[in-house]
Protein backbone atom coordinates (compact mmCIF):
# COMPACT_ATOMS: atom_id res chain seq x y z
CA MET A 1 117.07 9.48 -177.17
CA TYR A 2 113.99 11.67 -177.70
CA ALA A 3 113.07 12.30 -174.06
CA ASP A 4 114.25 15.93 -174.32
CA LEU A 5 111.45 16.55 -176.80
CA LEU A 6 109.04 16.48 -173.86
CA ASN A 7 110.75 19.28 -171.95
CA GLY A 8 108.64 22.42 -171.75
CA ARG A 9 105.59 20.85 -173.39
CA LYS A 10 102.21 20.96 -171.69
CA GLU A 11 100.23 17.75 -171.29
CA GLY A 12 98.38 16.90 -174.50
CA GLU A 13 100.44 19.02 -176.87
CA ILE A 14 102.02 17.25 -179.81
CA LYS A 15 102.47 18.25 -183.46
CA ILE A 16 102.59 15.53 -186.09
CA LEU A 17 103.86 15.90 -189.64
CA MET A 18 101.80 13.20 -191.34
CA LEU A 19 102.64 12.01 -194.83
CA GLY A 20 99.98 10.20 -196.84
CA TRP A 21 99.19 9.42 -200.45
CA GLU A 22 95.42 9.91 -200.50
CA LEU A 23 92.35 11.08 -198.60
CA PRO A 24 88.64 10.62 -199.41
CA PRO A 25 86.85 11.47 -201.57
CA PHE A 26 89.87 10.91 -203.84
CA HIS A 27 91.20 7.48 -202.96
CA SER A 28 91.77 4.12 -204.64
CA GLY A 29 91.40 1.84 -201.64
CA GLY A 30 91.56 1.48 -197.89
CA LEU A 31 94.69 3.58 -197.29
CA GLY A 32 92.88 6.90 -197.73
CA ILE A 33 89.97 5.74 -195.58
CA ALA A 34 92.37 4.68 -192.83
CA CYS A 35 94.21 8.02 -192.94
CA GLU A 36 90.95 9.94 -192.70
CA GLY A 37 89.57 7.88 -189.82
CA LEU A 38 92.79 7.95 -187.81
CA THR A 39 93.45 11.67 -188.24
CA LYS A 40 89.90 12.63 -187.25
CA SER A 41 90.20 10.67 -184.02
CA LEU A 42 93.73 11.90 -183.27
CA SER A 43 92.47 15.45 -183.75
CA ARG A 44 89.61 14.86 -181.30
CA LEU A 45 92.23 13.76 -178.77
CA GLY A 46 94.13 17.02 -179.19
CA VAL A 47 96.83 16.04 -181.67
CA GLU A 48 97.76 18.82 -184.12
CA ILE A 49 98.30 17.37 -187.60
CA ALA A 50 99.93 18.80 -190.70
CA PHE A 51 99.04 16.32 -193.46
CA VAL A 52 100.90 16.46 -196.79
CA LEU A 53 99.27 15.06 -199.95
CA PRO A 54 100.92 14.80 -203.38
CA LYS A 55 98.07 16.94 -204.71
CA VAL A 56 95.10 18.56 -202.99
CA TYR A 57 91.99 18.55 -205.16
CA SER A 58 89.49 19.96 -202.69
CA GLY A 59 89.10 21.22 -199.15
CA GLY A 60 86.90 19.94 -196.38
CA TYR A 61 89.55 18.65 -193.94
CA ASP A 62 88.70 21.05 -191.13
CA TRP A 63 90.13 18.81 -188.39
CA MET A 64 93.71 19.25 -189.64
CA LYS A 65 95.87 21.34 -191.94
CA VAL A 66 96.39 19.76 -195.36
CA TYR A 67 99.32 20.78 -197.57
CA ASP A 68 99.93 20.24 -201.28
CA ALA A 69 103.42 18.91 -202.07
CA SER A 70 103.07 19.76 -205.76
CA ASP A 71 102.33 23.44 -205.05
CA MET A 72 105.41 23.71 -202.88
CA LEU A 73 107.49 21.97 -205.51
CA LEU A 74 106.49 24.44 -208.22
CA GLU A 75 107.03 27.35 -205.87
CA ASN A 76 110.60 26.31 -205.07
CA GLY A 77 111.55 25.21 -208.55
CA PHE A 78 114.38 22.88 -209.49
CA SER A 79 118.11 22.83 -209.04
CA HIS A 80 120.08 25.74 -210.51
CA LYS A 81 122.66 23.15 -211.62
CA CYS A 82 120.15 21.59 -213.98
CA VAL A 83 121.34 23.23 -217.21
CA GLU A 84 125.03 22.81 -216.37
CA LEU A 85 124.55 19.11 -215.67
CA ALA A 86 122.57 18.73 -218.87
CA LYS A 87 125.45 20.20 -220.88
CA GLU A 88 127.68 17.50 -219.42
CA ASN A 89 125.14 14.87 -220.49
CA LYS A 90 124.19 14.34 -216.86
CA CYS A 91 121.01 15.05 -215.01
CA CYS A 92 120.24 16.29 -211.52
CA LEU A 93 117.67 13.49 -211.15
CA VAL A 94 119.81 10.54 -212.17
CA ASN A 95 120.69 9.56 -208.62
CA GLY A 96 117.12 9.53 -207.36
CA TYR A 97 115.40 11.43 -204.59
CA GLN A 98 118.40 11.26 -202.21
CA LYS A 99 120.52 13.55 -204.42
CA ILE A 100 117.91 16.05 -205.55
CA ASN A 101 118.56 19.66 -204.55
CA ILE A 102 115.69 22.04 -203.86
CA ASP A 103 117.61 25.09 -202.67
CA SER A 104 117.13 27.14 -205.83
CA GLN A 105 114.36 29.62 -206.52
CA LYS A 106 114.75 29.03 -210.25
CA LYS A 107 111.73 27.41 -211.85
CA GLY A 108 111.53 24.94 -214.67
CA MET A 109 113.46 21.88 -215.81
CA CYS A 110 115.82 21.20 -218.66
CA GLN A 111 114.57 18.79 -221.32
CA LEU A 112 117.02 16.15 -220.15
CA CYS A 113 115.53 16.30 -216.67
CA VAL A 114 112.03 16.10 -218.07
CA GLY A 115 112.99 13.05 -220.09
CA GLN A 116 114.71 11.47 -217.11
CA PHE A 117 111.62 11.95 -214.95
CA ASP A 118 109.32 10.64 -217.67
CA ASN A 119 111.41 7.49 -218.05
CA SER A 120 112.26 6.87 -214.41
CA PRO A 121 110.22 4.42 -212.31
CA TYR A 122 108.12 5.96 -209.57
CA ALA A 123 109.04 9.54 -210.45
CA HIS A 124 105.98 10.64 -208.47
CA VAL A 125 107.75 9.53 -205.29
CA ASN A 126 110.67 11.81 -206.17
CA PHE A 127 108.33 14.74 -206.78
CA TYR A 128 106.50 14.14 -203.50
CA THR A 129 109.73 13.88 -201.52
CA ARG A 130 110.99 17.16 -202.95
CA GLY A 131 107.72 18.89 -202.06
CA VAL A 132 107.69 17.54 -198.51
CA LYS A 133 111.31 18.55 -197.97
CA ALA A 134 110.48 22.08 -199.07
CA LEU A 135 107.42 22.26 -196.83
CA ALA A 136 109.31 20.89 -193.85
CA GLN A 137 111.61 23.90 -193.86
CA ASN A 138 108.78 26.08 -192.50
CA LEU A 139 106.72 23.61 -190.46
CA GLN A 140 107.04 22.84 -186.76
CA TYR A 141 106.61 19.16 -185.89
CA ASP A 142 107.50 16.85 -183.00
CA LEU A 143 107.18 13.56 -184.87
CA ILE A 144 106.97 12.41 -188.49
CA HIS A 145 104.31 9.79 -189.28
CA ALA A 146 104.53 8.34 -192.82
CA HIS A 147 101.97 5.98 -194.35
CA ASP A 148 103.29 3.23 -196.66
CA TRP A 149 106.29 3.09 -198.97
CA MET A 150 105.47 6.03 -201.23
CA THR A 151 106.01 8.45 -198.34
CA TYR A 152 108.96 6.83 -196.53
CA PRO A 153 111.62 8.72 -198.55
CA ALA A 154 109.81 11.95 -197.69
CA GLY A 155 109.75 10.96 -194.03
CA ILE A 156 113.49 10.39 -194.09
CA ALA A 157 113.96 13.77 -195.80
CA ALA A 158 111.80 15.56 -193.21
CA LYS A 159 113.88 14.07 -190.42
CA VAL A 160 117.04 15.39 -192.10
CA VAL A 161 115.47 18.86 -192.36
CA ALA A 162 114.68 18.80 -188.62
CA LYS A 163 118.24 17.74 -187.84
CA GLU A 164 119.59 20.61 -189.93
CA LYS A 165 117.54 22.88 -187.65
CA ASN A 166 119.22 21.23 -184.64
CA LYS A 167 116.10 19.31 -183.65
CA LEU A 168 115.91 15.59 -182.99
CA THR A 169 112.60 14.43 -184.47
CA PRO A 170 111.56 10.77 -184.51
CA PHE A 171 110.29 9.16 -187.70
CA LEU A 172 107.48 6.61 -187.51
CA ALA A 173 106.78 4.40 -190.54
CA GLN A 174 103.29 2.91 -190.63
CA VAL A 175 102.86 -0.07 -192.94
CA HIS A 176 99.42 -0.83 -194.38
CA ALA A 177 100.72 -3.34 -196.96
CA THR A 178 104.11 -4.60 -198.10
CA GLU A 179 105.71 -5.56 -201.37
CA VAL A 180 105.60 -9.15 -200.11
CA ASP A 181 101.80 -8.79 -200.38
CA ARG A 182 101.78 -7.01 -203.75
CA HIS A 183 104.73 -8.39 -205.78
CA ASP A 184 105.15 -5.20 -207.84
CA GLY A 185 108.95 -4.98 -207.95
CA LYS A 186 112.38 -4.76 -206.36
CA PHE A 187 112.40 -0.95 -206.17
CA ILE A 188 109.38 -0.85 -203.86
CA TYR A 189 110.76 -3.61 -201.62
CA GLU A 190 114.09 -1.77 -201.27
CA THR A 191 112.29 1.53 -200.56
CA GLU A 192 110.21 -0.17 -197.86
CA LYS A 193 113.26 -1.78 -196.28
CA ALA A 194 115.16 1.52 -196.28
CA GLY A 195 112.16 3.18 -194.62
CA PHE A 196 111.83 0.50 -191.95
CA ASN A 197 115.53 0.68 -191.16
CA ALA A 198 115.54 4.48 -190.99
CA ALA A 199 112.41 4.67 -188.84
CA ASP A 200 112.60 5.00 -185.07
CA ARG A 201 109.42 2.93 -184.85
CA VAL A 202 107.44 0.82 -187.32
CA VAL A 203 103.66 0.48 -186.89
CA ALA A 204 101.88 -2.47 -188.51
CA VAL A 205 98.11 -2.69 -188.98
CA SER A 206 98.06 -6.33 -187.81
CA TYR A 207 100.21 -9.03 -186.24
CA LEU A 208 100.19 -10.70 -189.64
CA THR A 209 101.91 -7.62 -191.09
CA LYS A 210 104.27 -7.36 -188.12
CA ASN A 211 105.44 -10.91 -188.78
CA THR A 212 105.92 -10.09 -192.47
CA VAL A 213 108.05 -7.04 -191.70
CA ASN A 214 110.11 -9.07 -189.25
CA MET A 215 110.53 -12.14 -191.44
CA TYR A 216 111.03 -10.64 -194.90
CA TYR A 217 112.69 -7.32 -194.03
CA GLY A 218 114.76 -8.35 -191.02
CA ILE A 219 113.31 -5.72 -188.68
CA ASP A 220 113.52 -6.49 -184.96
CA GLN A 221 110.07 -7.35 -183.58
CA ASN A 222 110.72 -5.05 -180.62
CA LYS A 223 110.82 -2.13 -183.04
CA ILE A 224 107.38 -2.96 -184.47
CA SER A 225 104.11 -1.94 -182.78
CA VAL A 226 100.65 -3.13 -183.86
CA VAL A 227 97.70 -0.75 -184.14
CA HIS A 228 94.69 -2.33 -185.81
CA ASN A 229 92.53 -0.26 -188.14
CA GLY A 230 89.03 0.69 -187.12
CA ILE A 231 85.70 1.89 -188.40
CA ASP A 232 83.44 4.51 -186.91
CA PRO A 233 79.83 3.79 -185.86
CA ARG A 234 77.36 5.33 -188.27
CA GLU A 235 73.71 5.34 -189.19
CA ILE A 236 73.13 3.00 -192.12
CA GLN A 237 70.44 4.00 -194.61
CA LEU A 238 68.59 0.77 -195.41
CA ASN A 239 67.58 0.49 -199.05
CA PRO A 240 64.40 -1.16 -200.29
CA LYS A 241 64.76 -4.80 -201.27
CA ASN A 242 66.19 -5.14 -204.77
CA PRO A 243 63.91 -7.09 -207.16
CA ILE A 244 66.75 -9.54 -207.80
CA LYS A 245 66.38 -10.74 -204.20
CA LYS A 246 62.97 -12.24 -204.93
CA LYS A 247 64.57 -14.90 -207.09
CA TYR A 248 68.29 -15.05 -206.30
CA LYS A 249 70.74 -15.13 -203.44
CA VAL A 250 73.79 -12.87 -203.89
CA VAL A 251 77.45 -13.44 -202.94
CA LEU A 252 79.69 -10.36 -203.10
CA PHE A 253 83.38 -9.63 -203.72
CA LEU A 254 84.30 -5.94 -203.41
CA GLY A 255 87.86 -4.70 -203.81
CA ARG A 256 90.77 -4.32 -206.19
CA VAL A 257 90.85 -7.14 -208.74
CA THR A 258 94.51 -8.00 -208.23
CA PHE A 259 96.49 -11.08 -207.22
CA GLN A 260 96.69 -10.01 -203.59
CA LYS A 261 92.89 -9.97 -203.23
CA GLY A 262 92.36 -13.52 -204.55
CA PRO A 263 89.74 -12.84 -207.26
CA ASP A 264 90.65 -16.09 -209.05
CA TYR A 265 89.59 -18.05 -205.96
CA PHE A 266 86.29 -16.18 -205.97
CA VAL A 267 85.71 -17.32 -209.57
CA LYS A 268 86.54 -20.91 -208.60
CA VAL A 269 84.13 -20.88 -205.67
CA ALA A 270 81.43 -19.30 -207.87
CA LYS A 271 81.72 -22.27 -210.19
CA LYS A 272 81.53 -24.78 -207.38
CA VAL A 273 78.55 -23.17 -205.62
CA THR A 274 76.44 -22.46 -208.72
CA ASP A 275 76.91 -26.01 -210.02
CA SER A 276 74.94 -27.28 -207.01
CA TYR A 277 72.95 -24.17 -206.08
CA PRO A 278 71.78 -22.49 -209.31
CA ASN A 279 69.73 -19.66 -207.79
CA VAL A 280 72.81 -17.72 -206.71
CA LYS A 281 74.44 -14.72 -208.34
CA PHE A 282 78.09 -13.91 -207.66
CA MET A 283 79.11 -10.26 -208.00
CA MET A 284 82.67 -8.98 -208.42
CA LEU A 285 82.80 -5.21 -207.90
CA GLY A 286 86.12 -3.49 -208.48
CA SER A 287 88.83 -2.98 -211.04
CA GLY A 288 92.45 -4.00 -211.39
CA ASP A 289 95.01 -5.73 -213.54
CA MET A 290 93.22 -9.10 -213.29
CA GLN A 291 89.74 -7.89 -214.20
CA THR A 292 89.83 -8.87 -217.89
CA ARG A 293 91.35 -12.23 -217.03
CA MET A 294 88.60 -12.91 -214.48
CA ILE A 295 85.88 -12.07 -217.02
CA GLU A 296 87.47 -14.48 -219.48
CA GLU A 297 87.90 -17.15 -216.80
CA GLY A 298 84.25 -16.79 -215.81
CA ALA A 299 83.19 -17.29 -219.43
CA ARG A 300 85.36 -20.40 -219.77
CA GLU A 301 83.80 -21.84 -216.63
CA GLY A 302 80.29 -21.32 -217.97
CA LEU A 303 79.49 -18.59 -215.47
CA THR A 304 77.98 -16.11 -217.92
CA GLY A 305 74.91 -14.67 -216.21
CA LYS A 306 75.97 -16.25 -212.90
CA LEU A 307 79.10 -14.20 -212.23
CA LEU A 308 78.47 -10.48 -212.71
CA PHE A 309 81.14 -7.77 -212.98
CA ASN A 310 81.26 -4.05 -212.43
CA SER A 311 84.14 -1.62 -212.07
CA TRP A 312 84.85 0.27 -208.88
CA ILE A 313 81.79 1.86 -207.29
CA SER A 314 81.47 5.03 -205.27
CA ASP A 315 81.47 5.12 -201.48
CA GLN A 316 77.81 6.07 -201.63
CA ASP A 317 76.95 2.91 -203.60
CA LYS A 318 78.89 0.56 -201.33
CA ASP A 319 76.13 0.31 -198.73
CA ALA A 320 73.60 -0.69 -201.39
CA ALA A 321 75.98 -3.40 -202.63
CA TYR A 322 76.55 -4.78 -199.13
CA GLN A 323 72.82 -4.82 -198.45
CA LEU A 324 72.12 -6.55 -201.75
CA ALA A 325 74.47 -9.37 -200.75
CA ASP A 326 73.51 -12.34 -198.59
CA VAL A 327 77.19 -13.17 -198.03
CA PHE A 328 80.36 -11.11 -198.38
CA VAL A 329 83.58 -12.98 -199.24
CA MET A 330 87.14 -11.67 -198.92
CA PRO A 331 89.39 -14.49 -200.29
CA SER A 332 92.63 -12.50 -200.09
CA VAL A 333 95.93 -14.26 -200.60
CA SER A 334 97.47 -11.63 -198.33
CA GLU A 335 95.47 -8.89 -196.61
CA PRO A 336 97.37 -6.80 -194.04
CA PHE A 337 94.05 -5.72 -192.53
CA GLY A 338 90.89 -5.38 -194.64
CA ILE A 339 88.31 -2.71 -193.77
CA VAL A 340 85.63 -3.84 -196.25
CA PRO A 341 84.43 -6.79 -194.10
CA LEU A 342 83.76 -4.31 -191.29
CA GLU A 343 81.69 -2.20 -193.70
CA ALA A 344 79.75 -5.30 -194.77
CA ILE A 345 79.04 -6.20 -191.14
CA GLN A 346 77.73 -2.70 -190.43
CA ASN A 347 75.26 -3.27 -193.27
CA GLY A 348 74.05 -6.55 -191.76
CA THR A 349 75.87 -8.90 -194.13
CA PRO A 350 77.68 -11.99 -192.76
CA VAL A 351 81.27 -12.30 -193.92
CA ILE A 352 83.75 -14.98 -194.89
CA VAL A 353 87.39 -13.86 -194.67
CA SER A 354 90.72 -15.36 -195.53
CA LYS A 355 92.81 -16.58 -192.62
CA SER A 356 95.61 -14.59 -194.29
CA SER A 357 94.07 -11.29 -193.21
CA GLY A 358 94.56 -8.90 -190.33
CA VAL A 359 90.82 -8.39 -189.82
CA ALA A 360 90.58 -12.06 -188.83
CA GLU A 361 92.52 -11.07 -185.70
CA VAL A 362 89.78 -8.74 -184.44
CA ILE A 363 86.50 -10.39 -185.57
CA ALA A 364 85.49 -13.74 -184.10
CA ASN A 365 81.96 -13.86 -185.51
CA CYS A 366 82.81 -14.62 -189.11
CA ALA A 367 83.81 -17.65 -191.14
CA LYS A 368 87.59 -17.92 -191.55
CA VAL A 369 88.98 -20.08 -194.33
CA ASP A 370 92.26 -20.61 -196.15
CA PHE A 371 92.10 -18.66 -199.41
CA TRP A 372 92.97 -21.78 -201.40
CA ASP A 373 90.38 -24.04 -199.73
CA ILE A 374 87.59 -23.74 -202.29
CA ASP A 375 85.65 -26.67 -200.82
CA MET A 376 85.43 -25.14 -197.34
CA MET A 377 84.67 -21.71 -198.75
CA ALA A 378 81.83 -23.16 -200.82
CA ASP A 379 80.47 -25.06 -197.82
CA GLU A 380 80.45 -21.91 -195.68
CA ILE A 381 78.71 -19.88 -198.41
CA ILE A 382 76.00 -22.51 -198.86
CA LYS A 383 75.51 -22.85 -195.10
CA LEU A 384 75.06 -19.10 -194.71
CA LEU A 385 72.65 -18.97 -197.65
CA LYS A 386 70.50 -21.84 -196.43
CA ASP A 387 70.67 -21.56 -192.63
CA LYS A 388 69.06 -18.24 -191.71
CA LYS A 389 69.53 -18.83 -187.97
CA TYR A 390 73.26 -19.45 -188.43
CA ALA A 391 73.60 -16.32 -190.56
CA LYS A 392 71.66 -14.17 -188.08
CA THR A 393 73.68 -15.40 -185.09
CA MET A 394 76.90 -14.64 -186.94
CA ILE A 395 75.93 -11.13 -187.99
CA ASP A 396 74.45 -10.20 -184.59
CA GLY A 397 77.70 -11.17 -182.87
CA ALA A 398 79.85 -9.45 -185.50
CA LYS A 399 77.90 -6.19 -185.19
CA LYS A 400 78.61 -6.08 -181.44
CA GLU A 401 82.30 -6.64 -182.09
CA VAL A 402 82.47 -3.92 -184.73
CA GLU A 403 80.90 -1.41 -182.34
CA GLY A 404 84.11 -1.53 -180.31
CA LEU A 405 86.50 -1.34 -183.26
CA THR A 406 86.44 2.43 -183.58
CA TRP A 407 89.05 4.83 -184.89
CA ASP A 408 89.03 6.45 -181.43
CA ARG A 409 90.35 3.15 -180.06
CA SER A 410 93.00 3.06 -182.79
CA ALA A 411 93.98 6.68 -182.12
CA LYS A 412 94.47 6.07 -178.39
CA GLU A 413 96.72 3.13 -179.21
CA MET A 414 98.64 5.27 -181.71
CA ILE A 415 99.20 7.98 -179.11
CA ARG A 416 100.71 5.37 -176.81
CA VAL A 417 103.08 4.47 -179.65
CA TYR A 418 103.94 8.16 -180.11
CA GLU A 419 104.74 8.39 -176.40
CA GLN A 420 106.88 5.26 -176.53
CA THR A 421 108.74 6.57 -179.58
CA MET A 422 109.34 9.99 -178.03
CA GLY A 423 110.56 8.48 -174.76
CA GLY A 424 107.91 9.66 -172.33
CA LYS A 425 104.28 10.50 -171.66
CA VAL A 426 102.74 13.46 -173.49
CA TYR A 427 99.09 12.75 -172.70
CA ALA A 428 97.33 12.42 -169.36
C-alpha cells in the first residue's frame, strides 16, 4: 500500500512526525525517558524527526525539531462557529476531538466552550490533537509515530491531513502501557482501541504487551511488532558510602505509587523480611494515588522506622538511591517494560522483578518472582542480603547484559519496523 512512498527517495532519508506527551527534564515516568533515548538514536542513524509536545518548557533538543502544540493552537484560534453554536445552546466541543474545526483565524472561545472544556474528561487530549492537526498542515513527513493513548487521536488527525494533501502516510501507534495495566477508565480504553485499529502498525515494548493488545483489544498479532526499550551506557559517579550502610541493609522501591506498580506487595514483603531480619530498612521512593494508603498500611503493620517514604526524586538523585540500596525490587502487577531495573543494574544493585514485566524478557541475571508471592520475594531478598557471592554473580552477569540493551539497538529495530510499514527498504 505504501511502497510508492519510497519512489524518488535516497537511501537513508525518512522524515518522522513523532507525537509524544513528555521529554526530560519534564517527565513523570519512563515514557519521556524512552522517547528521548529512542529519538537520539534514530537521529544518529539519519532519521529526521519533528517531535510535537503539548507544551515546550525549554530547549536543548538539538538532535531533532521540537514543536509546541499549544502555541500552534493559540495561533490558529478556535472555530468561527463557536458563538453561533453557543446561541443555540450547543458547543463546538461537545462531540469531542473528531468534530473540532481549526480552520478559523479567529482567536478565543465562548464561555460555553470554556465551560465544556473545563468539565470534559481529558480535554488536554482535545487541545493537543487540535494543535497537532494545525502543525501538520505545514510539516512534511513520511510516517507518523505516536506514543501511547494521549497522542493516538492526534496521529489519526495527522494522517487525515496528509490524505487531504493527496499523500498516503502510514500511522504507527507505539504502546508503552495499556488501560488493562492502569484501570483508569473506559474512555482511555476506547481511545487506545480506536488508535490500534486505525494504525497501520502497532509497536509494543514487550511480548507481554503484545499479548495484552492482542487479547484485550482484538488486534491481529501479525499487525503488532515488538521493540524492547533500552538504556544507554554511561559513566556512573559512585557516591561515598552512606552512614546508614554501617548498620543497615537497604531494600529499594522506586516508581509511581499506584496499583500497577504493586506498592502494597512491597509493604507486605517489608513486614515479612523485617520480622526475621531486623537490620533492614525498606525505602519507597515515589508518589501516586496509593502513597497515603501505603504510609497508613506501614504504620498498621508496625513498620514505622523500618519502612521509609519519600516523594519522587530527581534524575540526579536516582543514582544515589540505587547505590544506597543492597537490593532493588520491582513488584509490579503489570509492567509493560520497566526501565528502572536497568538503571539499578548500571549502579551495581541486584534486582528482583515481577514475572509480569517486559524487562524480565531481556534480563536473565535477576530474580524473577510472581508479584503476589510474598514468601518467594522475601526469600530472594534475604538471600541477596546475606549471600554476597550470589549477589555479586547476579550483578556482574546483569551488567554485561545491560551493556547490549542500548537505544541504538532499539532504534535499528524500529527502523526495520518503519521499513516494513512503508512497504520497502529505506536504509542500507
